[in-house]
Structures are given as C-alpha cells and as structure tokens.
C-alpha cells in the first residue's frame, strides 16, 4: 500500500469512527437545539432543610402565588425528597392529585416510602427523563419546577414535551435563583427566553427573598414551534429582569 493510500484509509477509518461515536445526548433530544449556556451538575435532592424552608413560609408563599386550590391536579417536577409534593398533597386535598416526578430512581424510592408512611393516597410517583417529563396530556392545572430548572440538560426538548400536559388555563411555576446556570441558578431573562422559544409566555414574575430567589409563572402560548425551528437563547445575552407583576 502506498503512503498516500494508507493516509486516505486512515482518514476514512477516523471519519467512520466519528460517525459511529455515541452521542452525549439522549436520542429523543437530537431534534432539539442544545442550550447555549452551561448546565449545573445535579445537586443535592434537598435544597435546604424542610424546617428552614418552613420558617421562611416558602411553600405556603409559592402555593398562594400559584393559586393552588382543592381538587387541582398538580405535577412536581424534580420532586427530590418531596418537600413540595407533601405540602401540595395537603393543599389539593383528597379529591386533588399530585404527580411527583424525578430522574433519580433512588430518590424516588425514598419519596415513595415517605408517601406510604404518611398515607398520601392522592400522590403518584413517576420516573422522568432529562428530555421528557413523560406527563400525560391535558392533565395538570399547575406544574412546579422548584430550584431545579438549572439542572435540566435538555430544556427545549423537556419544555416542548411538557406543553401538552397542561390543561386549559394551566400554568408552570418556576422558583430559582438569579445567578449563572453552572452555579445552581438561572438569570430570569434567560429562563423567560427558553420558555418562550419552547411555546410559553411569562404571566407573572417577582423577586422573593423568602423563596431564596425569584418566582416566575408561565402559561402556554397559542402554538408551539416545530423542534427544528427553535432558536436557542444566548446565555451571555442577559439584561435586566422581567417586570414584576
């Protein structure tokens, strides 16, 4: 074999290896753009102690802002140890429903034990994925994403697939911290941009020290874009916060 032919064969093999290399993304996410910003490592499933959070009246504040009422159907995405799951179950009452979802099987197992121990018959538990919350369509009045959005590695895929799960008038509730996404937070305008690019619109925003961050509320827009038409938000193009209201 000549040297030139050998080099050509080596290049061809290298190209083939690149094409066969496994993607670092889930197959279901490939039709969506990557986020143009860092993603936080998965942190502790407990944002703070429940006693400390209750001392700030955190859950009650969020549930009041979200207008949670008896008989509502609610999803708690990234439920972790169940701080919101437990309190939402009490708030919606025996005729309401709470679906607790997480991508961590171990934490879901512990949460399941807690649900059984506390006899929460109105709570269900489900395993989600980074690019798909696996929520049934037309099922929820509110979807909660509390101190976890910055850990979502495929926000456009997840938000796009979450869109059909909202009932008419349903809303998504986000609580997070205004800091870089690789430091367990996300700038409010970047959050709003990612939601809007995925088919939602911001309906309420407020800084909330008692929540150790801010509160944002979204609803579905009239339509959602096709996955290939979503343009990722620039993580470095962040200005002032949304107007409170």
C-alpha atoms as a PDB file:
ATOM      1  CA  UNK A   1       0.000   0.000   0.000  1.00  0.00           C
ATOM      2  CA  UNK A   2       1.346   3.429  -0.906  1.00  0.00           C
ATOM      3  CA  UNK A   3       1.800   6.072   1.775  1.00  0.00           C
ATOM      4  CA  UNK A   4      -0.919   8.249   0.201  1.00  0.00           C
ATOM      5  CA  UNK A   5      -3.370   5.338   0.120  1.00  0.00           C
ATOM      6  CA  UNK A   6      -2.525   4.500   3.705  1.00  0.00           C
ATOM      7  CA  UNK A   7      -3.233   8.059   4.821  1.00  0.00           C
ATOM      8  CA  UNK A   8      -6.512   8.095   2.924  1.00  0.00           C
ATOM      9  CA  UNK A   9      -7.578   4.819   4.540  1.00  0.00           C
ATOM     10  CA  UNK A  10      -6.645   6.133   7.974  1.00  0.00           C
ATOM     11  CA  UNK A  11      -8.697   9.291   7.389  1.00  0.00           C
ATOM     12  CA  UNK A  12     -11.673   7.232   6.219  1.00  0.00           C
ATOM     13  CA  UNK A  13     -11.491   4.993   9.290  1.00  0.00           C
ATOM     14  CA  UNK A  14     -11.232   8.029  11.546  1.00  0.00           C
ATOM     15  CA  UNK A  15     -14.307   9.564   9.887  1.00  0.00           C
ATOM     16  CA  UNK A  16     -16.223   6.349  10.309  1.00  0.00           C
ATOM     17  CA  UNK A  17     -15.251   6.212  13.969  1.00  0.00           C
ATOM     18  CA  UNK A  18     -16.534   9.767  14.445  1.00  0.00           C
ATOM     19  CA  UNK A  19     -19.836   8.909  12.823  1.00  0.00           C
ATOM     20  CA  UNK A  20     -20.252   5.831  14.977  1.00  0.00           C
ATOM     21  CA  UNK A  21     -19.250   7.534  18.201  1.00  0.00           C
ATOM     22  CA  UNK A  22     -22.147   7.550  20.660  1.00  0.00           C
ATOM     23  CA  UNK A  23     -23.796  10.926  21.223  1.00  0.00           C
ATOM     24  CA  UNK A  24     -23.608  12.535  24.645  1.00  0.00           C
ATOM     25  CA  UNK A  25     -27.303  13.377  24.206  1.00  0.00           C
ATOM     26  CA  UNK A  26     -30.385  11.197  24.506  1.00  0.00           C
ATOM     27  CA  UNK A  27     -31.782  10.065  21.175  1.00  0.00           C
ATOM     28  CA  UNK A  28     -35.036  11.879  21.801  1.00  0.00           C
ATOM     29  CA  UNK A  29     -33.239  15.204  22.237  1.00  0.00           C
ATOM     30  CA  UNK A  30     -31.378  15.240  18.930  1.00  0.00           C
ATOM     31  CA  UNK A  31     -34.110  17.099  17.012  1.00  0.00           C
ATOM     32  CA  UNK A  32     -33.913  19.979  19.509  1.00  0.00           C
ATOM     33  CA  UNK A  33     -31.096  22.520  19.936  1.00  0.00           C
ATOM     34  CA  UNK A  34     -28.689  22.330  22.838  1.00  0.00           C
ATOM     35  CA  UNK A  35     -28.949  25.138  25.383  1.00  0.00           C
ATOM     36  CA  UNK A  36     -26.364  27.828  24.669  1.00  0.00           C
ATOM     37  CA  UNK A  37     -25.214  28.005  28.296  1.00  0.00           C
ATOM     38  CA  UNK A  38     -23.731  25.731  30.967  1.00  0.00           C
ATOM     39  CA  UNK A  39     -25.838  23.258  32.931  1.00  0.00           C
ATOM     40  CA  UNK A  40     -25.438  22.763  36.665  1.00  0.00           C
ATOM     41  CA  UNK A  41     -24.335  19.401  37.975  1.00  0.00           C
ATOM     42  CA  UNK A  42     -27.073  17.505  39.734  1.00  0.00           C
ATOM     43  CA  UNK A  43     -27.031  18.827  43.269  1.00  0.00           C
ATOM     44  CA  UNK A  44     -28.404  17.505  46.500  1.00  0.00           C
ATOM     45  CA  UNK A  45     -32.030  16.441  46.241  1.00  0.00           C
ATOM     46  CA  UNK A  46     -32.735  18.548  49.300  1.00  0.00           C
ATOM     47  CA  UNK A  47     -32.361  22.272  48.532  1.00  0.00           C
ATOM     48  CA  UNK A  48     -32.493  23.156  52.241  1.00  0.00           C
ATOM     49  CA  UNK A  49     -33.890  21.596  55.388  1.00  0.00           C
ATOM     50  CA  UNK A  50     -37.662  21.481  55.491  1.00  0.00           C
ATOM     51  CA  UNK A  51     -37.642  23.260  58.847  1.00  0.00           C
ATOM     52  CA  UNK A  52     -35.606  26.135  57.399  1.00  0.00           C
ATOM     53  CA  UNK A  53     -37.871  26.381  54.369  1.00  0.00           C
ATOM     54  CA  UNK A  54     -40.991  26.348  56.506  1.00  0.00           C
ATOM     55  CA  UNK A  55     -39.516  29.039  58.760  1.00  0.00           C
ATOM     56  CA  UNK A  56     -39.482  31.296  55.669  1.00  0.00           C
ATOM     57  CA  UNK A  57     -43.039  30.178  54.835  1.00  0.00           C
ATOM     58  CA  UNK A  58     -41.699  29.120  51.443  1.00  0.00           C
ATOM     59  CA  UNK A  59     -44.213  26.522  50.310  1.00  0.00           C
ATOM     60  CA  UNK A  60     -47.216  28.480  51.540  1.00  0.00           C
ATOM     61  CA  UNK A  61     -45.975  31.583  49.719  1.00  0.00           C
ATOM     62  CA  UNK A  62     -45.473  29.716  46.448  1.00  0.00           C
ATOM     63  CA  UNK A  63     -48.777  27.886  46.658  1.00  0.00           C
ATOM     64  CA  UNK A  64     -50.583  31.165  47.370  1.00  0.00           C
ATOM     65  CA  UNK A  65     -48.903  32.882  44.406  1.00  0.00           C
ATOM     66  CA  UNK A  66     -49.798  29.884  42.234  1.00  0.00           C
ATOM     67  CA  UNK A  67     -53.417  29.962  43.461  1.00  0.00           C
ATOM     68  CA  UNK A  68     -53.443  26.289  44.430  1.00  0.00           C
ATOM     69  CA  UNK A  69     -56.937  25.142  45.329  1.00  0.00           C
ATOM     70  CA  UNK A  70     -58.617  21.908  46.447  1.00  0.00           C
ATOM     71  CA  UNK A  71     -59.245  19.340  43.712  1.00  0.00           C
ATOM     72  CA  UNK A  72     -56.469  20.669  41.447  1.00  0.00           C
ATOM     73  CA  UNK A  73     -54.194  18.284  39.596  1.00  0.00           C
ATOM     74  CA  UNK A  74     -50.547  19.233  40.052  1.00  0.00           C
ATOM     75  CA  UNK A  75     -47.160  17.882  38.916  1.00  0.00           C
ATOM     76  CA  UNK A  76     -43.972  18.364  40.944  1.00  0.00           C
ATOM     77  CA  UNK A  77     -41.044  18.049  38.502  1.00  0.00           C
ATOM     78  CA  UNK A  78     -37.708  17.271  40.133  1.00  0.00           C
ATOM     79  CA  UNK A  79     -39.588  16.402  43.313  1.00  0.00           C
ATOM     80  CA  UNK A  80     -36.465  15.275  45.184  1.00  0.00           C
ATOM     81  CA  UNK A  81     -37.182  14.423  48.815  1.00  0.00           C
ATOM     82  CA  UNK A  82     -40.755  15.651  48.422  1.00  0.00           C
ATOM     83  CA  UNK A  83     -40.853  18.998  50.207  1.00  0.00           C
ATOM     84  CA  UNK A  84     -43.425  20.395  47.770  1.00  0.00           C
ATOM     85  CA  UNK A  85     -45.058  17.057  46.998  1.00  0.00           C
ATOM     86  CA  UNK A  86     -46.138  16.579  50.613  1.00  0.00           C
ATOM     87  CA  UNK A  87     -47.443  20.118  51.024  1.00  0.00           C
ATOM     88  CA  UNK A  88     -49.191  20.162  47.658  1.00  0.00           C
ATOM     89  CA  UNK A  89     -50.934  16.901  48.551  1.00  0.00           C
ATOM     90  CA  UNK A  90     -52.381  18.536  51.649  1.00  0.00           C
ATOM     91  CA  UNK A  91     -53.356  21.688  49.736  1.00  0.00           C
ATOM     92  CA  UNK A  92     -55.241  19.992  46.882  1.00  0.00           C
ATOM     93  CA  UNK A  93     -56.955  17.639  49.298  1.00  0.00           C
ATOM     94  CA  UNK A  94     -58.238  14.083  48.851  1.00  0.00           C
ATOM     95  CA  UNK A  95     -60.066  14.913  45.618  1.00  0.00           C
ATOM     96  CA  UNK A  96     -56.983  16.500  44.045  1.00  0.00           C
ATOM     97  CA  UNK A  97     -53.941  14.717  42.648  1.00  0.00           C
ATOM     98  CA  UNK A  98     -50.189  15.270  42.812  1.00  0.00           C
ATOM     99  CA  UNK A  99     -47.716  13.564  40.485  1.00  0.00           C
ATOM    100  CA  UNK A 100     -44.158  13.592  41.848  1.00  0.00           C
ATOM    101  CA  UNK A 101     -41.557  13.151  39.089  1.00  0.00           C
ATOM    102  CA  UNK A 102     -37.774  12.906  39.196  1.00  0.00           C
ATOM    103  CA  UNK A 103     -34.996  11.383  37.072  1.00  0.00           C
ATOM    104  CA  UNK A 104     -33.266   9.854  40.113  1.00  0.00           C
ATOM    105  CA  UNK A 105     -34.592   6.355  40.850  1.00  0.00           C
ATOM    106  CA  UNK A 106     -33.038   6.248  44.314  1.00  0.00           C
ATOM    107  CA  UNK A 107     -34.657   9.478  45.467  1.00  0.00           C
ATOM    108  CA  UNK A 108     -37.997   8.395  44.008  1.00  0.00           C
ATOM    109  CA  UNK A 109     -37.741   5.199  46.029  1.00  0.00           C
ATOM    110  CA  UNK A 110     -37.209   7.179  49.224  1.00  0.00           C
ATOM    111  CA  UNK A 111     -40.042   9.534  48.327  1.00  0.00           C
ATOM    112  CA  UNK A 112     -42.287   6.540  47.689  1.00  0.00           C
ATOM    113  CA  UNK A 113     -41.548   5.237  51.166  1.00  0.00           C
ATOM    114  CA  UNK A 114     -42.442   8.631  52.599  1.00  0.00           C
ATOM    115  CA  UNK A 115     -45.700   8.770  50.658  1.00  0.00           C
ATOM    116  CA  UNK A 116     -46.685   5.345  52.007  1.00  0.00           C
ATOM    117  CA  UNK A 117     -45.574   6.230  55.534  1.00  0.00           C
ATOM    118  CA  UNK A 118     -47.632   9.431  55.528  1.00  0.00           C
ATOM    119  CA  UNK A 119     -50.565   7.713  53.784  1.00  0.00           C
ATOM    120  CA  UNK A 120     -50.816  10.202  50.949  1.00  0.00           C
ATOM    121  CA  UNK A 121     -53.365   8.443  48.774  1.00  0.00           C
ATOM    122  CA  UNK A 122     -53.578  11.377  46.358  1.00  0.00           C
ATOM    123  CA  UNK A 123     -49.883  11.204  45.335  1.00  0.00           C
ATOM    124  CA  UNK A 124     -48.438   9.214  42.441  1.00  0.00           C
ATOM    125  CA  UNK A 125     -44.752   8.826  41.596  1.00  0.00           C
ATOM    126  CA  UNK A 126     -43.193   8.616  38.119  1.00  0.00           C
ATOM    127  CA  UNK A 127     -39.723   8.448  36.600  1.00  0.00           C
ATOM    128  CA  UNK A 128     -38.915  11.194  34.111  1.00  0.00           C
ATOM    129  CA  UNK A 129     -36.029  11.867  31.727  1.00  0.00           C
ATOM    130  CA  UNK A 130     -33.803  14.855  31.006  1.00  0.00           C
ATOM    131  CA  UNK A 131     -35.556  15.458  27.679  1.00  0.00           C
ATOM    132  CA  UNK A 132     -39.085  14.295  28.504  1.00  0.00           C
ATOM    133  CA  UNK A 133     -41.119  14.575  31.722  1.00  0.00           C
ATOM    134  CA  UNK A 134     -43.407  11.777  30.487  1.00  0.00           C
ATOM    135  CA  UNK A 135     -46.544  13.589  31.620  1.00  0.00           C
ATOM    136  CA  UNK A 136     -49.989  12.598  30.311  1.00  0.00           C
ATOM    137  CA  UNK A 137     -51.637  15.116  28.015  1.00  0.00           C
ATOM    138  CA  UNK A 138     -54.268  17.588  29.251  1.00  0.00           C
ATOM    139  CA  UNK A 139     -53.764  16.530  32.863  1.00  0.00           C
ATOM    140  CA  UNK A 140     -52.414  19.341  35.058  1.00  0.00           C
ATOM    141  CA  UNK A 141     -53.598  22.689  36.365  1.00  0.00           C
ATOM    142  CA  UNK A 142     -50.108  23.523  37.664  1.00  0.00           C
ATOM    143  CA  UNK A 143     -46.628  22.132  37.029  1.00  0.00           C
ATOM    144  CA  UNK A 144     -43.982  23.010  39.619  1.00  0.00           C
ATOM    145  CA  UNK A 145     -40.240  23.281  38.880  1.00  0.00           C
ATOM    146  CA  UNK A 146     -38.627  24.492  42.106  1.00  0.00           C
ATOM    147  CA  UNK A 147     -34.875  25.076  42.449  1.00  0.00           C
ATOM    148  CA  UNK A 148     -34.129  22.536  39.730  1.00  0.00           C
ATOM    149  CA  UNK A 149     -34.519  24.154  36.292  1.00  0.00           C
ATOM    150  CA  UNK A 150     -30.786  24.963  36.051  1.00  0.00           C
ATOM    151  CA  UNK A 151     -30.014  21.216  36.191  1.00  0.00           C
ATOM    152  CA  UNK A 152     -32.066  20.393  33.079  1.00  0.00           C
ATOM    153  CA  UNK A 153     -29.623  19.480  30.319  1.00  0.00           C
ATOM    154  CA  UNK A 154     -32.257  19.487  27.535  1.00  0.00           C
ATOM    155  CA  UNK A 155     -34.589  22.394  28.367  1.00  0.00           C
ATOM    156  CA  UNK A 156     -36.055  22.856  24.883  1.00  0.00           C
ATOM    157  CA  UNK A 157     -36.961  19.190  24.493  1.00  0.00           C
ATOM    158  CA  UNK A 158     -38.357  18.920  28.007  1.00  0.00           C
ATOM    159  CA  UNK A 159     -40.415  22.119  27.863  1.00  0.00           C
ATOM    160  CA  UNK A 160     -41.735  21.311  24.383  1.00  0.00           C
ATOM    161  CA  UNK A 161     -42.875  17.855  25.508  1.00  0.00           C
ATOM    162  CA  UNK A 162     -44.343  19.271  28.720  1.00  0.00           C
ATOM    163  CA  UNK A 163     -46.564  21.729  26.810  1.00  0.00           C
ATOM    164  CA  UNK A 164     -49.426  19.279  26.043  1.00  0.00           C
ATOM    165  CA  UNK A 165     -49.661  18.181  29.689  1.00  0.00           C
ATOM    166  CA  UNK A 166     -51.218  21.482  30.773  1.00  0.00           C
ATOM    167  CA  UNK A 167     -54.963  21.756  30.952  1.00  0.00           C
ATOM    168  CA  UNK A 168     -56.682  24.844  29.550  1.00  0.00           C
ATOM    169  CA  UNK A 169     -55.630  27.687  31.834  1.00  0.00           C
ATOM    170  CA  UNK A 170     -52.838  25.575  33.312  1.00  0.00           C
ATOM    171  CA  UNK A 171     -49.563  27.182  34.350  1.00  0.00           C
ATOM    172  CA  UNK A 172     -45.939  26.301  35.021  1.00  0.00           C
ATOM    173  CA  UNK A 173     -44.432  27.592  38.267  1.00  0.00           C
ATOM    174  CA  UNK A 174     -40.661  28.115  38.463  1.00  0.00           C
ATOM    175  CA  UNK A 175     -38.672  29.110  41.546  1.00  0.00           C
ATOM    176  CA  UNK A 176     -34.952  29.662  41.019  1.00  0.00           C
ATOM    177  CA  UNK A 177     -32.012  31.927  41.847  1.00  0.00           C
ATOM    178  CA  UNK A 178     -30.587  34.757  39.731  1.00  0.00           C
ATOM    179  CA  UNK A 179     -27.046  33.511  39.171  1.00  0.00           C
ATOM    180  CA  UNK A 180     -25.117  31.630  36.434  1.00  0.00           C
ATOM    181  CA  UNK A 181     -26.525  28.304  35.326  1.00  0.00           C
ATOM    182  CA  UNK A 182     -23.380  26.410  36.328  1.00  0.00           C
ATOM    183  CA  UNK A 183     -23.791  27.799  39.867  1.00  0.00           C
ATOM    184  CA  UNK A 184     -27.256  26.367  40.531  1.00  0.00           C
ATOM    185  CA  UNK A 185     -29.333  29.269  39.272  1.00  0.00           C
ATOM    186  CA  UNK A 186     -30.508  30.936  36.068  1.00  0.00           C
ATOM    187  CA  UNK A 187     -30.945  34.569  35.078  1.00  0.00           C
ATOM    188  CA  UNK A 188     -34.668  35.449  34.886  1.00  0.00           C
ATOM    189  CA  UNK A 189     -34.470  36.762  31.303  1.00  0.00           C
ATOM    190  CA  UNK A 190     -32.686  33.615  30.144  1.00  0.00           C
ATOM    191  CA  UNK A 191     -35.335  31.478  31.828  1.00  0.00           C
ATOM    192  CA  UNK A 192     -38.092  33.515  30.157  1.00  0.00           C
ATOM    193  CA  UNK A 193     -36.377  33.252  26.787  1.00  0.00           C
ATOM    194  CA  UNK A 194     -36.058  29.464  26.945  1.00  0.00           C
ATOM    195  CA  UNK A 195     -39.722  29.107  27.897  1.00  0.00           C
ATOM    196  CA  UNK A 196     -40.869  31.500  25.186  1.00  0.00           C
ATOM    197  CA  UNK A 197     -38.800  29.772  22.495  1.00  0.00           C
ATOM    198  CA  UNK A 198     -40.491  26.497  23.506  1.00  0.00           C
ATOM    199  CA  UNK A 199     -44.078  27.762  23.252  1.00  0.00           C
ATOM    200  CA  UNK A 200     -44.913  29.546  26.511  1.00  0.00           C
ATOM    201  CA  UNK A 201     -45.385  33.108  27.701  1.00  0.00           C
ATOM    202  CA  UNK A 202     -44.485  34.727  31.021  1.00  0.00           C
ATOM    203  CA  UNK A 203     -47.540  35.866  33.009  1.00  0.00           C
ATOM    204  CA  UNK A 204     -46.045  36.720  36.417  1.00  0.00           C
ATOM    205  CA  UNK A 205     -42.643  37.447  37.917  1.00  0.00           C
ATOM    206  CA  UNK A 206     -41.447  38.682  41.287  1.00  0.00           C
ATOM    207  CA  UNK A 207     -38.287  38.737  43.374  1.00  0.00           C
ATOM    208  CA  UNK A 208     -38.959  36.789  46.536  1.00  0.00           C
ATOM    209  CA  UNK A 209     -36.282  36.739  49.273  1.00  0.00           C
ATOM    210  CA  UNK A 210     -38.441  34.365  51.323  1.00  0.00           C
ATOM    211  CA  UNK A 211     -38.018  31.851  48.491  1.00  0.00           C
ATOM    212  CA  UNK A 212     -34.233  32.342  48.377  1.00  0.00           C
ATOM    213  CA  UNK A 213     -34.669  33.507  44.786  1.00  0.00           C
ATOM    214  CA  UNK A 214     -37.476  34.563  42.450  1.00  0.00           C
ATOM    215  CA  UNK A 215     -40.885  33.323  41.343  1.00  0.00           C
ATOM    216  CA  UNK A 216     -41.943  33.036  37.693  1.00  0.00           C
ATOM    217  CA  UNK A 217     -45.203  31.821  36.211  1.00  0.00           C
ATOM    218  CA  UNK A 218     -45.788  30.746  32.609  1.00  0.00           C
ATOM    219  CA  UNK A 219     -48.716  29.599  30.517  1.00  0.00           C
ATOM    220  CA  UNK A 220     -48.921  28.006  27.107  1.00  0.00           C
ATOM    221  CA  UNK A 221     -48.832  30.244  24.069  1.00  0.00           C
ATOM    222  CA  UNK A 222     -51.416  29.613  21.368  1.00  0.00           C
ATOM    223  CA  UNK A 223     -48.993  27.380  19.483  1.00  0.00           C
ATOM    224  CA  UNK A 224     -45.585  25.797  19.975  1.00  0.00           C
ATOM    225  CA  UNK A 225     -42.854  25.790  17.326  1.00  0.00           C
ATOM    226  CA  UNK A 226     -41.612  22.747  15.496  1.00  0.00           C
ATOM    227  CA  UNK A 227     -38.464  21.386  17.209  1.00  0.00           C
ATOM    228  CA  UNK A 228     -36.224  22.263  14.247  1.00  0.00           C
ATOM    229  CA  UNK A 229     -37.470  25.870  14.305  1.00  0.00           C
ATOM    230  CA  UNK A 230     -36.420  26.556  17.910  1.00  0.00           C
ATOM    231  CA  UNK A 231     -33.503  29.012  18.095  1.00  0.00           C
ATOM    232  CA  UNK A 232     -31.551  28.632  21.348  1.00  0.00           C
ATOM    233  CA  UNK A 233     -31.296  31.655  23.608  1.00  0.00           C
ATOM    234  CA  UNK A 234     -27.826  33.106  24.066  1.00  0.00           C
ATOM    235  CA  UNK A 235     -26.671  32.531  27.592  1.00  0.00           C
ATOM    236  CA  UNK A 236     -24.498  35.636  27.564  1.00  0.00           C
ATOM    237  CA  UNK A 237     -27.235  37.936  26.224  1.00  0.00           C
ATOM    238  CA  UNK A 238     -28.852  38.633  29.576  1.00  0.00           C
ATOM    239  CA  UNK A 239     -30.066  42.099  30.529  1.00  0.00           C
ATOM    240  CA  UNK A 240     -32.428  43.354  33.186  1.00  0.00           C
ATOM    241  CA  UNK A 241     -35.083  41.276  34.881  1.00  0.00           C
ATOM    242  CA  UNK A 242     -38.675  40.957  33.621  1.00  0.00           C
ATOM    243  CA  UNK A 243     -41.109  43.489  35.011  1.00  0.00           C
ATOM    244  CA  UNK A 244     -42.740  42.302  38.197  1.00  0.00           C
ATOM    245  CA  UNK A 245     -46.425  41.617  38.170  1.00  0.00           C
END
